[in-house]
Amino acid sequence: MAYTINSDQDYQIVMEKIETYLRKATEGGGFHTLATEDRDRLRELSRLAESWEDQIPLMPVRQPQTIVEMIELKMYEGRLKQKDMAVLLDISPTRLSEVMQGKRKINMDLAKRLYKILKISPEFILEHA
């Protein structure tokens, strides 16, 4: 029986069938325990589901619009606290805090560190400093 996915409801039906095959494989001890036709069917359903998923538009990722947002993004990516970021940039935590709060502007020295250490593009730094 050939399936096509034309709606979210069709997709859910296919995913339920995939889940059934996965459960069967898990209970049997692995995919090698599935019959050849079951493995082929699982492969076919998985490709069908993947094809449908690839057509779903992703939410656009909001790009940083300021130096502060970019530093926050880098802190998030590196799982760093503000004091850790200050150490990484070799500046005082107070100075970084002032920059993050908008009380201090980016100077050339910090701009170079943002470029060299955090790999923030010079164009971004110049446009948003």
Protein backbone atom coordinates (compact mmCIF):
# COMPACT_ATOMS: atom_id res chain seq x y z
CA MET A 1 0.00 0.00 0.00
CA ALA A 2 1.59 3.28 -1.12
CA TYR A 3 1.22 6.36 1.02
CA THR A 4 1.41 10.00 0.16
CA ILE A 5 1.50 12.91 2.54
CA ASN A 6 -0.72 15.80 1.58
CA SER A 7 -1.63 17.17 4.99
CA ASP A 8 -0.57 17.28 8.61
CA GLN A 9 -3.11 14.53 9.29
CA ASP A 10 -1.46 12.28 6.66
CA TYR A 11 1.89 13.03 8.24
CA GLN A 12 0.62 11.98 11.67
CA ILE A 13 -0.66 8.69 10.24
CA VAL A 14 2.72 7.98 8.65
CA MET A 15 4.51 8.85 11.90
CA GLU A 16 2.25 6.45 13.82
CA LYS A 17 3.15 3.68 11.37
CA ILE A 18 6.85 4.50 11.75
CA GLU A 19 6.46 4.37 15.52
CA THR A 20 4.85 0.93 15.23
CA TYR A 21 7.84 -0.40 13.27
CA LEU A 22 10.28 1.21 15.70
CA ARG A 23 8.48 -0.32 18.66
CA LYS A 24 8.52 -3.72 16.96
CA ALA A 25 12.28 -3.42 16.30
CA THR A 26 12.96 -2.34 19.89
CA GLU A 27 10.94 -5.20 21.35
CA GLY A 28 12.71 -7.66 19.03
CA GLY A 29 16.17 -6.48 20.00
CA GLY A 30 17.07 -4.27 17.03
CA PHE A 31 16.40 -3.50 13.40
CA HIS A 32 18.04 -6.74 12.30
CA THR A 33 15.09 -8.61 13.84
CA LEU A 34 12.60 -6.98 11.49
CA ALA A 35 11.49 -8.88 8.44
CA THR A 36 12.96 -7.59 5.20
CA GLU A 37 9.62 -6.21 4.04
CA ASP A 38 9.16 -4.42 7.39
CA ARG A 39 12.61 -2.83 7.12
CA ASP A 40 11.86 -1.75 3.56
CA ARG A 41 8.50 -0.33 4.62
CA LEU A 42 10.08 1.55 7.54
CA ARG A 43 12.72 2.98 5.19
CA GLU A 44 10.04 4.06 2.70
CA LEU A 45 7.86 5.67 5.38
CA SER A 46 10.88 7.44 6.89
CA ARG A 47 11.85 8.91 3.53
CA LEU A 48 8.28 10.01 2.94
CA ALA A 49 8.12 11.71 6.36
CA GLU A 50 11.51 13.35 5.83
CA SER A 51 10.41 14.69 2.47
CA TRP A 52 7.31 16.22 4.06
CA GLU A 53 9.35 17.70 6.94
CA ASP A 54 11.81 19.27 4.49
CA GLN A 55 8.92 21.26 2.99
CA ILE A 56 7.94 22.81 6.31
CA PRO A 57 9.32 26.35 6.51
CA LEU A 58 11.39 26.93 9.62
CA MET A 59 10.92 29.95 11.79
CA PRO A 60 13.57 32.48 10.88
CA VAL A 61 16.28 32.85 13.46
CA ARG A 62 16.41 36.40 14.73
CA GLN A 63 19.80 37.85 13.96
CA PRO A 64 21.51 40.11 16.50
CA GLN A 65 20.92 43.77 15.73
CA THR A 66 23.37 45.32 18.20
CA ILE A 67 26.83 44.61 19.58
CA VAL A 68 25.23 43.78 22.93
CA GLU A 69 22.91 41.24 21.30
CA MET A 70 25.86 39.71 19.47
CA ILE A 71 27.88 39.41 22.68
CA GLU A 72 24.83 37.87 24.37
CA LEU A 73 24.56 35.36 21.52
CA LYS A 74 28.24 34.46 21.87
CA MET A 75 27.75 34.07 25.63
CA TYR A 76 24.79 31.77 25.00
CA GLU A 77 26.68 29.72 22.41
CA GLY A 78 29.64 29.32 24.74
CA ARG A 79 27.45 28.85 27.82
CA LEU A 80 29.33 31.71 29.43
CA LYS A 81 28.31 34.06 32.18
CA GLN A 82 29.12 37.72 31.82
CA LYS A 83 32.11 37.46 34.14
CA ASP A 84 33.43 34.51 32.08
CA MET A 85 33.07 36.57 28.91
CA ALA A 86 35.02 39.41 30.56
CA VAL A 87 37.85 36.99 31.35
CA LEU A 88 37.79 35.64 27.79
CA LEU A 89 37.96 39.17 26.37
CA ASP A 90 40.63 40.11 28.95
CA ILE A 91 38.66 43.12 30.20
CA SER A 92 37.26 43.88 33.61
CA PRO A 93 33.77 42.62 34.46
CA THR A 94 32.81 46.21 35.23
CA ARG A 95 33.83 47.39 31.77
CA LEU A 96 31.89 44.59 30.08
CA SER A 97 28.88 45.32 32.28
CA GLU A 98 28.97 48.98 31.26
CA VAL A 99 29.13 48.01 27.58
CA MET A 100 26.25 45.55 28.00
CA GLN A 101 24.13 48.23 29.72
CA GLY A 102 24.90 50.83 27.06
CA LYS A 103 26.83 53.03 29.49
CA ARG A 104 30.10 52.63 27.59
CA LYS A 105 30.84 52.59 23.88
CA ILE A 106 33.00 50.04 22.10
CA ASN A 107 36.55 51.36 21.68
CA MET A 108 39.06 50.15 19.09
CA ASP A 109 40.79 47.81 21.54
CA LEU A 110 37.54 46.04 22.45
CA ALA A 111 36.46 45.98 18.80
CA LYS A 112 39.67 44.11 17.95
CA ARG A 113 39.07 41.63 20.76
CA LEU A 114 35.50 41.04 19.61
CA TYR A 115 36.85 40.28 16.15
CA LYS A 116 39.84 38.15 17.14
CA ILE A 117 38.39 36.27 20.09
CA LEU A 118 34.66 36.03 19.37
CA LYS A 119 35.00 36.03 15.56
CA ILE A 120 32.47 38.84 15.17
CA SER A 121 32.82 40.22 11.67
CA PRO A 122 34.48 43.63 11.33
CA GLU A 123 31.55 44.78 9.18
CA PHE A 124 29.09 43.99 11.98
CA ILE A 125 31.25 45.76 14.55
CA LEU A 126 31.64 48.87 12.37
CA GLU A 127 27.96 49.02 11.49
CA HIS A 128 26.73 48.59 15.06
CA ALA A 129 29.40 50.22 17.24
